């Protein structure tokens, strides 16, 4: 007997009921969060699986322009236990860069300008 499909977002047991939900693999509540301008989406760099949907901190609204932020892997395609939270740093061309901590929060980190050799 076939089982009903469930949302592919970890820790979500919502059943996929509509064609749009089944086509995307995401329940309507997570789809609304992902499309909201108040949230950003963590995506696995290797398999393009959504690893999480995070609220943009109030202090970064209007500053963070990226909607999708990438992790180096995920729990489905990587043998590393912390693959979902091994974030790729988002860098600007000069000065500071944004990084994401293990809880999905964005951090502003200072860095030196990269010198060409």
PDB file of N, CA and C in Angstrom:
ATOM      1  N   UNK A   1       0.838  -1.182   0.000  1.00  0.00           N
ATOM      2  CA  UNK A   1       0.000   0.000   0.000  1.00  0.00           C
ATOM      3  C   UNK A   1       0.884   1.247   0.000  1.00  0.00           C
ATOM      4  N   UNK A   2       0.521   2.247  -0.773  1.00  0.00           N
ATOM      5  CA  UNK A   2       1.283   3.481  -0.848  1.00  0.00           C
ATOM      6  C   UNK A   2       1.077   4.317   0.403  1.00  0.00           C
ATOM      7  N   UNK A   3       2.152   4.955   0.829  1.00  0.00           N
ATOM      8  CA  UNK A   3       2.055   5.863   1.969  1.00  0.00           C
ATOM      9  C   UNK A   3       1.928   7.283   1.449  1.00  0.00           C
ATOM     10  N   UNK A   4       1.257   8.132   2.207  1.00  0.00           N
ATOM     11  CA  UNK A   4       1.127   9.531   1.829  1.00  0.00           C
ATOM     12  C   UNK A   4       2.465  10.239   2.004  1.00  0.00           C
ATOM     13  N   UNK A   5       2.749  11.158   1.101  1.00  0.00           N
ATOM     14  CA  UNK A   5       4.003  11.914   1.148  1.00  0.00           C
ATOM     15  C   UNK A   5       3.941  12.951   2.264  1.00  0.00           C
ATOM     16  N   UNK A   6       5.096  13.220   2.855  1.00  0.00           N
ATOM     17  CA  UNK A   6       5.202  14.214   3.920  1.00  0.00           C
ATOM     18  C   UNK A   6       6.196  15.294   3.515  1.00  0.00           C
ATOM     19  N   UNK A   7       6.121  16.428   4.179  1.00  0.00           N
ATOM     20  CA  UNK A   7       7.004  17.562   3.926  1.00  0.00           C
ATOM     21  C   UNK A   7       8.458  17.127   4.069  1.00  0.00           C
ATOM     22  N   UNK A   8       9.308  17.601   3.164  1.00  0.00           N
ATOM     23  CA  UNK A   8      10.715  17.206   3.178  1.00  0.00           C
ATOM     24  C   UNK A   8      11.559  18.026   4.155  1.00  0.00           C
ATOM     25  N   UNK A   9      10.997  19.080   4.728  1.00  0.00           N
ATOM     26  CA  UNK A   9      11.718  19.868   5.723  1.00  0.00           C
ATOM     27  C   UNK A   9      11.848  19.022   6.983  1.00  0.00           C
ATOM     28  N   UNK A  10      13.063  18.929   7.525  1.00  0.00           N
ATOM     29  CA  UNK A  10      13.283  18.125   8.731  1.00  0.00           C
ATOM     30  C   UNK A  10      12.367  18.565   9.859  1.00  0.00           C
ATOM     31  N   UNK A  11      11.933  17.626  10.638  1.00  0.00           N
ATOM     32  CA  UNK A  11      11.093  17.834  11.813  1.00  0.00           C
ATOM     33  C   UNK A  11       9.721  18.401  11.449  1.00  0.00           C
ATOM     34  N   UNK A  12       9.237  18.119  10.259  1.00  0.00           N
ATOM     35  CA  UNK A  12       7.887  18.509   9.851  1.00  0.00           C
ATOM     36  C   UNK A  12       7.165  17.248   9.409  1.00  0.00           C
ATOM     37  N   UNK A  13       6.051  16.948  10.031  1.00  0.00           N
ATOM     38  CA  UNK A  13       5.291  15.744   9.703  1.00  0.00           C
ATOM     39  C   UNK A  13       4.023  16.051   8.924  1.00  0.00           C
ATOM     40  N   UNK A  14       3.899  17.268   8.359  1.00  0.00           N
ATOM     41  CA  UNK A  14       2.706  17.627   7.600  1.00  0.00           C
ATOM     42  C   UNK A  14       2.597  16.775   6.346  1.00  0.00           C
ATOM     43  N   UNK A  15       1.396  16.278   6.100  1.00  0.00           N
ATOM     44  CA  UNK A  15       1.126  15.494   4.915  1.00  0.00           C
ATOM     45  C   UNK A  15       0.940  16.430   3.723  1.00  0.00           C
ATOM     46  N   UNK A  16       1.497  16.044   2.580  1.00  0.00           N
ATOM     47  CA  UNK A  16       1.359  16.841   1.356  1.00  0.00           C
ATOM     48  C   UNK A  16       0.023  16.486   0.710  1.00  0.00           C
ATOM     49  N   UNK A  17      -0.861  17.488   0.600  1.00  0.00           N
ATOM     50  CA  UNK A  17      -2.231  17.227   0.146  1.00  0.00           C
ATOM     51  C   UNK A  17      -2.539  17.764  -1.241  1.00  0.00           C
ATOM     52  N   UNK A  18      -1.912  18.856  -1.642  1.00  0.00           N
ATOM     53  CA  UNK A  18      -2.215  19.439  -2.951  1.00  0.00           C
ATOM     54  C   UNK A  18      -1.151  19.035  -3.968  1.00  0.00           C
ATOM     55  N   UNK A  19      -1.465  19.248  -5.246  1.00  0.00           N
ATOM     56  CA  UNK A  19      -0.496  18.945  -6.297  1.00  0.00           C
ATOM     57  C   UNK A  19       0.746  19.817  -6.148  1.00  0.00           C
ATOM     58  N   UNK A  20       0.560  21.108  -5.820  1.00  0.00           N
ATOM     59  CA  UNK A  20       1.703  22.016  -5.668  1.00  0.00           C
ATOM     60  C   UNK A  20       2.600  21.556  -4.521  1.00  0.00           C
ATOM     61  N   UNK A  21       2.008  21.120  -3.416  1.00  0.00           N
ATOM     62  CA  UNK A  21       2.807  20.611  -2.302  1.00  0.00           C
ATOM     63  C   UNK A  21       3.580  19.361  -2.716  1.00  0.00           C
ATOM     64  N   UNK A  22       2.926  18.449  -3.410  1.00  0.00           N
ATOM     65  CA  UNK A  22       3.586  17.209  -3.844  1.00  0.00           C
ATOM     66  C   UNK A  22       4.692  17.490  -4.853  1.00  0.00           C
ATOM     67  N   UNK A  23       4.472  18.463  -5.745  1.00  0.00           N
ATOM     68  CA  UNK A  23       5.476  18.793  -6.765  1.00  0.00           C
ATOM     69  C   UNK A  23       6.726  19.400  -6.149  1.00  0.00           C
ATOM     70  N   UNK A  24       6.565  20.217  -5.105  1.00  0.00           N
ATOM     71  CA  UNK A  24       7.718  20.869  -4.477  1.00  0.00           C
ATOM     72  C   UNK A  24       8.273  20.067  -3.309  1.00  0.00           C
ATOM     73  N   UNK A  25       7.462  19.201  -2.716  1.00  0.00           N
ATOM     74  CA  UNK A  25       7.894  18.425  -1.553  1.00  0.00           C
ATOM     75  C   UNK A  25       7.846  19.214  -0.259  1.00  0.00           C
ATOM     76  N   UNK A  26       7.191  20.365  -0.301  1.00  0.00           N
ATOM     77  CA  UNK A  26       7.135  21.247   0.865  1.00  0.00           C
ATOM     78  C   UNK A  26       5.681  21.558   1.172  1.00  0.00           C
ATOM     79  N   UNK A  27       5.305  21.487   2.460  1.00  0.00           N
ATOM     80  CA  UNK A  27       3.936  21.801   2.853  1.00  0.00           C
ATOM     81  C   UNK A  27       3.666  23.299   2.676  1.00  0.00           C
ATOM     82  N   UNK A  28       2.404  23.655   2.654  1.00  0.00           N
ATOM     83  CA  UNK A  28       2.010  25.042   2.389  1.00  0.00           C
ATOM     84  C   UNK A  28       2.545  26.002   3.447  1.00  0.00           C
ATOM     85  N   UNK A  29       2.601  25.583   4.715  1.00  0.00           N
ATOM     86  CA  UNK A  29       3.111  26.486   5.763  1.00  0.00           C
ATOM     87  C   UNK A  29       4.598  26.778   5.582  1.00  0.00           C
ATOM     88  N   UNK A  30       5.404  25.771   5.222  1.00  0.00           N
ATOM     89  CA  UNK A  30       6.828  26.007   4.970  1.00  0.00           C
ATOM     90  C   UNK A  30       7.045  26.771   3.666  1.00  0.00           C
ATOM     91  N   UNK A  31       6.190  26.547   2.684  1.00  0.00           N
ATOM     92  CA  UNK A  31       6.282  27.298   1.431  1.00  0.00           C
ATOM     93  C   UNK A  31       6.041  28.780   1.681  1.00  0.00           C
ATOM     94  N   UNK A  32       5.064  29.085   2.515  1.00  0.00           N
ATOM     95  CA  UNK A  32       4.780  30.482   2.857  1.00  0.00           C
ATOM     96  C   UNK A  32       5.965  31.128   3.561  1.00  0.00           C
ATOM     97  N   UNK A  33       6.598  30.386   4.481  1.00  0.00           N
ATOM     98  CA  UNK A  33       7.777  30.910   5.170  1.00  0.00           C
ATOM     99  C   UNK A  33       8.925  31.145   4.188  1.00  0.00           C
ATOM    100  N   UNK A  34       9.137  30.187   3.281  1.00  0.00           N
ATOM    101  CA  UNK A  34      10.243  30.297   2.325  1.00  0.00           C
ATOM    102  C   UNK A  34      10.052  31.487   1.383  1.00  0.00           C
ATOM    103  N   UNK A  35       8.815  31.808   1.043  1.00  0.00           N
ATOM    104  CA  UNK A  35       8.549  32.925   0.139  1.00  0.00           C
ATOM    105  C   UNK A  35       8.459  34.261   0.861  1.00  0.00           C
ATOM    106  N   UNK A  36       8.384  34.232   2.174  1.00  0.00           N
ATOM    107  CA  UNK A  36       8.278  35.456   2.969  1.00  0.00           C
ATOM    108  C   UNK A  36       9.571  36.260   2.905  1.00  0.00           C
ATOM    109  N   UNK A  37       9.452  37.579   2.909  1.00  0.00           N
ATOM    110  CA  UNK A  37      10.655  38.409   2.933  1.00  0.00           C
ATOM    111  C   UNK A  37      11.226  38.521   4.346  1.00  0.00           C
ATOM    112  N   UNK A  38      10.637  37.840   5.298  1.00  0.00           N
ATOM    113  CA  UNK A  38      11.122  37.845   6.679  1.00  0.00           C
ATOM    114  C   UNK A  38      11.981  36.622   6.987  1.00  0.00           C
ATOM    115  N   UNK A  39      12.167  35.755   6.005  1.00  0.00           N
ATOM    116  CA  UNK A  39      12.922  34.519   6.216  1.00  0.00           C
ATOM    117  C   UNK A  39      13.937  34.308   5.095  1.00  0.00           C
ATOM    118  N   UNK A  40      15.000  33.538   5.418  1.00  0.00           N
ATOM    119  CA  UNK A  40      15.923  33.085   4.387  1.00  0.00           C
ATOM    120  C   UNK A  40      15.978  31.569   4.453  1.00  0.00           C
ATOM    121  N   UNK A  41      16.409  30.959   3.377  1.00  0.00           N
ATOM    122  CA  UNK A  41      16.357  29.511   3.233  1.00  0.00           C
ATOM    123  C   UNK A  41      17.773  28.954   3.169  1.00  0.00           C
ATOM    124  N   UNK A  42      18.063  27.942   3.979  1.00  0.00           N
ATOM    125  CA  UNK A  42      19.325  27.211   3.917  1.00  0.00           C
ATOM    126  C   UNK A  42      19.182  26.067   2.929  1.00  0.00           C
ATOM    127  N   UNK A  43      20.146  25.955   2.002  1.00  0.00           N
ATOM    128  CA  UNK A  43      20.086  24.946   0.947  1.00  0.00           C
ATOM    129  C   UNK A  43      21.406  24.191   0.907  1.00  0.00           C
ATOM    130  N   UNK A  44      21.336  22.876   0.711  1.00  0.00           N
ATOM    131  CA  UNK A  44      22.546  22.056   0.579  1.00  0.00           C
ATOM    132  C   UNK A  44      23.205  22.339  -0.763  1.00  0.00           C
ATOM    133  N   UNK A  45      24.494  22.640  -0.755  1.00  0.00           N
ATOM    134  CA  UNK A  45      25.249  22.942  -1.962  1.00  0.00           C
ATOM    135  C   UNK A  45      25.350  21.721  -2.879  1.00  0.00           C
ATOM    136  N   UNK A  46      25.379  20.507  -2.313  1.00  0.00           N
ATOM    137  CA  UNK A  46      25.572  19.291  -3.107  1.00  0.00           C
ATOM    138  C   UNK A  46      24.298  18.777  -3.763  1.00  0.00           C
ATOM    139  N   UNK A  47      23.206  18.681  -2.996  1.00  0.00           N
ATOM    140  CA  UNK A  47      21.999  18.046  -3.537  1.00  0.00           C
ATOM    141  C   UNK A  47      20.801  18.986  -3.634  1.00  0.00           C
ATOM    142  N   UNK A  48      20.977  20.245  -3.279  1.00  0.00           N
ATOM    143  CA  UNK A  48      19.935  21.281  -3.377  1.00  0.00           C
ATOM    144  C   UNK A  48      18.744  21.034  -2.460  1.00  0.00           C
ATOM    145  N   UNK A  49      18.907  20.202  -1.446  1.00  0.00           N
ATOM    146  CA  UNK A  49      17.844  19.961  -0.468  1.00  0.00           C
ATOM    147  C   UNK A  49      17.766  21.146   0.493  1.00  0.00           C
ATOM    148  N   UNK A  50      16.555  21.542   0.880  1.00  0.00           N
ATOM    149  CA  UNK A  50      16.401  22.621   1.857  1.00  0.00           C
ATOM    150  C   UNK A  50      16.777  22.085   3.230  1.00  0.00           C
ATOM    151  N   UNK A  51      17.753  22.716   3.864  1.00  0.00           N
ATOM    152  CA  UNK A  51      18.207  22.270   5.187  1.00  0.00           C
ATOM    153  C   UNK A  51      17.540  23.033   6.324  1.00  0.00           C
ATOM    154  N   UNK A  52      16.895  24.144   6.023  1.00  0.00           N
ATOM    155  CA  UNK A  52      16.189  24.898   7.054  1.00  0.00           C
ATOM    156  C   UNK A  52      15.669  26.219   6.536  1.00  0.00           C
ATOM    157  N   UNK A  53      14.674  26.737   7.228  1.00  0.00           N
ATOM    158  CA  UNK A  53      14.122  28.057   6.928  1.00  0.00           C
ATOM    159  C   UNK A  53      14.249  28.869   8.204  1.00  0.00           C
ATOM    160  N   UNK A  54      14.941  30.007   8.127  1.00  0.00           N
ATOM    161  CA  UNK A  54      15.290  30.785   9.307  1.00  0.00           C
ATOM    162  C   UNK A  54      14.747  32.204   9.213  1.00  0.00           C
ATOM    163  N   UNK A  55      14.337  32.737  10.332  1.00  0.00           N
ATOM    164  CA  UNK A  55      13.856  34.115  10.373  1.00  0.00           C
ATOM    165  C   UNK A  55      15.045  35.072  10.320  1.00  0.00           C
ATOM    166  N   UNK A  56      14.917  36.125   9.529  1.00  0.00           N
ATOM    167  CA  UNK A  56      15.970  37.133   9.450  1.00  0.00           C
ATOM    168  C   UNK A  56      15.902  37.979  10.719  1.00  0.00           C
ATOM    169  N   UNK A  57      17.006  38.096  11.453  1.00  0.00           N
ATOM    170  CA  UNK A  57      16.996  38.928  12.658  1.00  0.00           C
ATOM    171  C   UNK A  57      16.627  40.372  12.332  1.00  0.00           C
ATOM    172  N   UNK A  58      15.937  41.017  13.233  1.00  0.00           N
ATOM    173  CA  UNK A  58      15.460  42.380  13.014  1.00  0.00           C
ATOM    174  C   UNK A  58      16.597  43.320  12.657  1.00  0.00           C
ATOM    175  N   UNK A  59      17.764  43.150  13.267  1.00  0.00           N
ATOM    176  CA  UNK A  59      18.888  44.059  13.018  1.00  0.00           C
ATOM    177  C   UNK A  59      19.479  43.893  11.620  1.00  0.00           C
ATOM    178  N   UNK A  60      19.137  42.808  10.920  1.00  0.00           N
ATOM    179  CA  UNK A  60      19.672  42.575   9.576  1.00  0.00           C
ATOM    180  C   UNK A  60      18.651  42.806   8.469  1.00  0.00           C
ATOM    181  N   UNK A  61      17.423  43.202   8.823  1.00  0.00           N
ATOM    182  CA  UNK A  61      16.410  43.468   7.798  1.00  0.00           C
ATOM    183  C   UNK A  61      16.854  44.663   6.968  1.00  0.00           C
ATOM    184  N   UNK A  62      16.793  44.523   5.672  1.00  0.00           N
ATOM    185  CA  UNK A  62      17.248  45.564   4.764  1.00  0.00           C
ATOM    186  C   UNK A  62      18.729  45.469   4.445  1.00  0.00           C
ATOM    187  N   UNK A  63      19.476  44.687   5.218  1.00  0.00           N
ATOM    188  CA  UNK A  63      20.915  44.520   4.990  1.00  0.00           C
ATOM    189  C   UNK A  63      21.185  43.218   4.240  1.00  0.00           C
ATOM    190  N   UNK A  64      20.521  42.148   4.693  1.00  0.00           N
ATOM    191  CA  UNK A  64      20.706  40.846   4.053  1.00  0.00           C
ATOM    192  C   UNK A  64      19.901  40.806   2.757  1.00  0.00           C
ATOM    193  N   UNK A  65      20.574  40.697   1.638  1.00  0.00           N
ATOM    194  CA  UNK A  65      19.907  40.678   0.339  1.00  0.00           C
ATOM    195  C   UNK A  65      19.728  39.271  -0.208  1.00  0.00           C
ATOM    196  N   UNK A  66      20.504  38.312   0.292  1.00  0.00           N
ATOM    197  CA  UNK A  66      20.435  36.949  -0.215  1.00  0.00           C
ATOM    198  C   UNK A  66      19.234  36.225   0.385  1.00  0.00           C
ATOM    199  N   UNK A  67      18.489  35.529  -0.439  1.00  0.00           N
ATOM    200  CA  UNK A  67      17.336  34.752   0.017  1.00  0.00           C
ATOM    201  C   UNK A  67      17.745  33.320   0.327  1.00  0.00           C
ATOM    202  N   UNK A  68      18.720  32.791  -0.436  1.00  0.00           N
ATOM    203  CA  UNK A  68      19.155  31.415  -0.270  1.00  0.00           C
ATOM    204  C   UNK A  68      20.613  31.400   0.161  1.00  0.00           C
ATOM    205  N   UNK A  69      20.885  30.710   1.266  1.00  0.00           N
ATOM    206  CA  UNK A  69      22.235  30.580   1.792  1.00  0.00           C
ATOM    207  C   UNK A  69      22.587  29.098   1.804  1.00  0.00           C
ATOM    208  N   UNK A  70      23.811  28.778   1.449  1.00  0.00           N
ATOM    209  CA  UNK A  70      24.174  27.385   1.216  1.00  0.00           C
ATOM    210  C   UNK A  70      25.023  26.777   2.327  1.00  0.00           C
ATOM    211  N   UNK A  71      24.701  25.504   2.631  1.00  0.00           N
ATOM    212  CA  UNK A  71      25.550  24.705   3.519  1.00  0.00           C
ATOM    213  C   UNK A  71      26.414  23.818   2.632  1.00  0.00           C
ATOM    214  N   UNK A  72      27.528  23.336   3.163  1.00  0.00           N
ATOM    215  CA  UNK A  72      28.455  22.523   2.363  1.00  0.00           C
ATOM    216  C   UNK A  72      27.891  21.145   2.044  1.00  0.00           C
ATOM    217  N   UNK A  73      26.954  20.681   2.822  1.00  0.00           N
ATOM    218  CA  UNK A  73      26.329  19.381   2.629  1.00  0.00           C
ATOM    219  C   UNK A  73      25.070  19.318   3.466  1.00  0.00           C
ATOM    220  N   UNK A  74      24.522  18.120   3.582  1.00  0.00           N
ATOM    221  CA  UNK A  74      23.358  17.942   4.442  1.00  0.00           C
ATOM    222  C   UNK A  74      23.386  16.532   5.020  1.00  0.00           C
ATOM    223  N   UNK A  75      22.469  16.258   5.913  1.00  0.00           N
ATOM    224  CA  UNK A  75      22.445  14.960   6.570  1.00  0.00           C
ATOM    225  C   UNK A  75      22.071  13.831   5.610  1.00  0.00           C
ATOM    226  N   UNK A  76      21.487  14.147   4.466  1.00  0.00           N
ATOM    227  CA  UNK A  76      21.079  13.118   3.499  1.00  0.00           C
ATOM    228  C   UNK A  76      22.192  12.741   2.526  1.00  0.00           C
ATOM    229  N   UNK A  77      23.082  13.679   2.192  1.00  0.00           N
ATOM    230  CA  UNK A  77      24.095  13.387   1.163  1.00  0.00           C
ATOM    231  C   UNK A  77      25.526  13.382   1.693  1.00  0.00           C
ATOM    232  N   UNK A  78      25.712  13.668   2.972  1.00  0.00           N
ATOM    233  CA  UNK A  78      27.060  13.741   3.527  1.00  0.00           C
ATOM    234  C   UNK A  78      27.170  12.840   4.750  1.00  0.00           C
ATOM    235  N   UNK A  79      28.299  12.158   4.904  1.00  0.00           N
ATOM    236  CA  UNK A  79      28.476  11.311   6.087  1.00  0.00           C
ATOM    237  C   UNK A  79      28.800  12.114   7.356  1.00  0.00           C
ATOM    238  N   UNK A  80      29.097  13.400   7.198  1.00  0.00           N
ATOM    239  CA  UNK A  80      29.427  14.226   8.357  1.00  0.00           C
ATOM    240  C   UNK A  80      28.188  14.455   9.218  1.00  0.00           C
ATOM    241  N   UNK A  81      28.293  14.291  10.539  1.00  0.00           N
ATOM    242  CA  UNK A  81      27.125  14.469  11.404  1.00  0.00           C
ATOM    243  C   UNK A  81      26.622  15.912  11.475  1.00  0.00           C
ATOM    244  N   UNK A  82      27.494  16.893  11.271  1.00  0.00           N
ATOM    245  CA  UNK A  82      27.106  18.299  11.348  1.00  0.00           C
ATOM    246  C   UNK A  82      27.001  18.952   9.969  1.00  0.00           C
ATOM    247  N   UNK A  83      26.731  18.182   8.941  1.00  0.00           N
ATOM    248  CA  UNK A  83      26.726  18.718   7.576  1.00  0.00           C
ATOM    249  C   UNK A  83      25.676  19.806   7.381  1.00  0.00           C
ATOM    250  N   UNK A  84      24.509  19.676   8.025  1.00  0.00           N
ATOM    251  CA  UNK A  84      23.446  20.674   7.857  1.00  0.00           C
ATOM    252  C   UNK A  84      23.842  22.047   8.370  1.00  0.00           C
ATOM    253  N   UNK A  85      24.768  22.093   9.329  1.00  0.00           N
ATOM    254  CA  UNK A  85      25.135  23.375   9.941  1.00  0.00           C
ATOM    255  C   UNK A  85      26.545  23.807   9.568  1.00  0.00           C
ATOM    256  N   UNK A  86      27.143  23.152   8.580  1.00  0.00           N
ATOM    257  CA  UNK A  86      28.463  23.529   8.090  1.00  0.00           C
ATOM    258  C   UNK A  86      28.263  24.537   6.971  1.00  0.00           C
ATOM    259  N   UNK A  87      28.082  25.810   7.347  1.00  0.00           N
ATOM    260  CA  UNK A  87      27.667  26.843   6.403  1.00  0.00           C
ATOM    261  C   UNK A  87      28.812  27.385   5.562  1.00  0.00           C
ATOM    262  N   UNK A  88      28.502  27.717   4.322  1.00  0.00           N
ATOM    263  CA  UNK A  88      29.425  28.423   3.439  1.00  0.00           C
ATOM    264  C   UNK A  88      29.304  29.902   3.764  1.00  0.00           C
ATOM    265  N   UNK A  89      30.419  30.566   3.933  1.00  0.00           N
ATOM    266  CA  UNK A  89      30.413  31.989   4.280  1.00  0.00           C
ATOM    267  C   UNK A  89      30.025  32.819   3.066  1.00  0.00           C
ATOM    268  N   UNK A  90      29.220  33.808   3.304  1.00  0.00           N
ATOM    269  CA  UNK A  90      28.824  34.748   2.257  1.00  0.00           C
ATOM    270  C   UNK A  90      29.757  35.938   2.373  1.00  0.00           C
ATOM    271  N   UNK A  91      30.554  36.180   1.360  1.00  0.00           N
ATOM    272  CA  UNK A  91      31.554  37.231   1.448  1.00  0.00           C
ATOM    273  C   UNK A  91      31.208  38.413   0.566  1.00  0.00           C
ATOM    274  N   UNK A  92      31.582  39.582   1.040  1.00  0.00           N
ATOM    275  CA  UNK A  92      31.519  40.779   0.216  1.00  0.00           C
ATOM    276  C   UNK A  92      32.902  40.951  -0.412  1.00  0.00           C
ATOM    277  N   UNK A  93      33.024  41.853  -1.369  1.00  0.00           N
ATOM    278  CA  UNK A  93      34.313  42.025  -2.047  1.00  0.00           C
ATOM    279  C   UNK A  93      35.344  42.691  -1.154  1.00  0.00           C
ATOM    280  N   UNK A  94      34.933  43.568  -0.269  1.00  0.00           N
ATOM    281  CA  UNK A  94      35.877  44.239   0.618  1.00  0.00           C
ATOM    282  C   UNK A  94      35.310  44.288   2.027  1.00  0.00           C
ATOM    283  N   UNK A  95      36.183  44.509   2.975  1.00  0.00           N
ATOM    284  CA  UNK A  95      35.755  44.744   4.355  1.00  0.00           C
ATOM    285  C   UNK A  95      35.183  43.529   5.045  1.00  0.00           C
ATOM    286  N   UNK A  96      33.995  43.693   5.592  1.00  0.00           N
ATOM    287  CA  UNK A  96      33.373  42.652   6.402  1.00  0.00           C
ATOM    288  C   UNK A  96      32.674  41.605   5.551  1.00  0.00           C
ATOM    289  N   UNK A  97      32.366  40.475   6.184  1.00  0.00           N
ATOM    290  CA  UNK A  97      31.586  39.450   5.493  1.00  0.00           C
ATOM    291  C   UNK A  97      30.564  38.859   6.457  1.00  0.00           C
ATOM    292  N   UNK A  98      29.520  38.294   5.862  1.00  0.00           N
ATOM    293  CA  UNK A  98      28.479  37.648   6.657  1.00  0.00           C
ATOM    294  C   UNK A  98      28.798  36.172   6.782  1.00  0.00           C
ATOM    295  N   UNK A  99      28.568  35.630   7.952  1.00  0.00           N
ATOM    296  CA  UNK A  99      28.726  34.197   8.181  1.00  0.00           C
ATOM    297  C   UNK A  99      27.492  33.722   8.932  1.00  0.00           C
ATOM    298  N   UNK A 100      27.223  32.452   8.879  1.00  0.00           N
ATOM    299  CA  UNK A 100      26.071  31.874   9.553  1.00  0.00           C
ATOM    300  C   UNK A 100      26.579  30.907  10.610  1.00  0.00           C
ATOM    301  N   UNK A 101      26.055  31.045  11.843  1.00  0.00           N
ATOM    302  CA  UNK A 101      26.483  30.123  12.893  1.00  0.00           C
ATOM    303  C   UNK A 101      25.654  28.845  12.844  1.00  0.00           C
ATOM    304  N   UNK A 102      25.933  27.907  13.757  1.00  0.00           N
ATOM    305  CA  UNK A 102      25.289  26.604  13.743  1.00  0.00           C
ATOM    306  C   UNK A 102      23.797  26.654  14.041  1.00  0.00           C
ATOM    307  N   UNK A 103      23.298  27.771  14.560  1.00  0.00           N
ATOM    308  CA  UNK A 103      21.869  27.909  14.832  1.00  0.00           C
ATOM    309  C   UNK A 103      21.134  28.642  13.724  1.00  0.00           C
ATOM    310  N   UNK A 104      21.820  28.941  12.622  1.00  0.00           N
ATOM    311  CA  UNK A 104      21.191  29.613  11.506  1.00  0.00           C
ATOM    312  C   UNK A 104      21.193  31.118  11.615  1.00  0.00           C
ATOM    313  N   UNK A 105      21.871  31.672  12.625  1.00  0.00           N
ATOM    314  CA  UNK A 105      21.921  33.124  12.798  1.00  0.00           C
ATOM    315  C   UNK A 105      23.050  33.697  11.958  1.00  0.00           C
ATOM    316  N   UNK A 106      22.813  34.882  11.426  1.00  0.00           N
ATOM    317  CA  UNK A 106      23.836  35.569  10.642  1.00  0.00           C
ATOM    318  C   UNK A 106      24.733  36.389  11.555  1.00  0.00           C
ATOM    319  N   UNK A 107      26.014  36.351  11.277  1.00  0.00           N
ATOM    320  CA  UNK A 107      26.989  37.106  12.053  1.00  0.00           C
ATOM    321  C   UNK A 107      27.799  37.978  11.112  1.00  0.00           C
ATOM    322  N   UNK A 108      28.075  39.208  11.522  1.00  0.00           N
ATOM    323  CA  UNK A 108      28.948  40.082  10.754  1.00  0.00           C
ATOM    324  C   UNK A 108      30.355  39.917  11.300  1.00  0.00           C
ATOM    325  N   UNK A 109      31.283  39.511  10.446  1.00  0.00           N
ATOM    326  CA  UNK A 109      32.656  39.290  10.870  1.00  0.00           C
ATOM    327  C   UNK A 109      33.572  40.226  10.099  1.00  0.00           C
ATOM    328  N   UNK A 110      34.582  40.758  10.789  1.00  0.00           N
ATOM    329  CA  UNK A 110      35.540  41.641  10.142  1.00  0.00           C
ATOM    330  C   UNK A 110      36.619  40.810   9.469  1.00  0.00           C
ATOM    331  N   UNK A 111      37.058  41.271   8.319  1.00  0.00           N
ATOM    332  CA  UNK A 111      38.130  40.577   7.622  1.00  0.00           C
ATOM    333  C   UNK A 111      38.984  41.613   6.884  1.00  0.00           C
ATOM    334  N   UNK A 112      40.191  41.216   6.570  1.00  0.00           N
ATOM    335  CA  UNK A 112      41.080  42.086   5.823  1.00  0.00           C
ATOM    336  C   UNK A 112      40.786  41.929   4.333  1.00  0.00           C
ATOM    337  N   UNK A 113      41.023  42.975   3.593  1.00  0.00           N
ATOM    338  CA  UNK A 113      40.820  42.929   2.147  1.00  0.00           C
ATOM    339  C   UNK A 113      41.820  41.952   1.537  1.00  0.00           C
ATOM    340  N   UNK A 114      41.339  41.125   0.625  1.00  0.00           N
ATOM    341  CA  UNK A 114      42.204  40.137  -0.013  1.00  0.00           C
ATOM    342  C   UNK A 114      43.130  40.855  -0.995  1.00  0.00           C
ATOM    343  N   UNK A 115      44.413  40.630  -0.823  1.00  0.00           N
ATOM    344  CA  UNK A 115      45.417  41.261  -1.686  1.00  0.00           C
ATOM    345  C   UNK A 115      45.706  40.334  -2.873  1.00  0.00           C
ATOM    346  N   UNK A 116      45.793  40.887  -4.066  1.00  0.00           N
ATOM    347  CA  UNK A 116      46.185  40.100  -5.234  1.00  0.00           C
ATOM    348  C   UNK A 116      47.692  39.931  -5.216  1.00  0.00           C
ATOM    349  N   UNK A 117      48.122  38.737  -5.573  1.00  0.00           N
ATOM    350  CA  UNK A 117      49.558  38.452  -5.560  1.00  0.00           C
ATOM    351  C   UNK A 117      50.173  38.683  -6.897  1.00  0.00           C
TER     352      UNK A 117
END
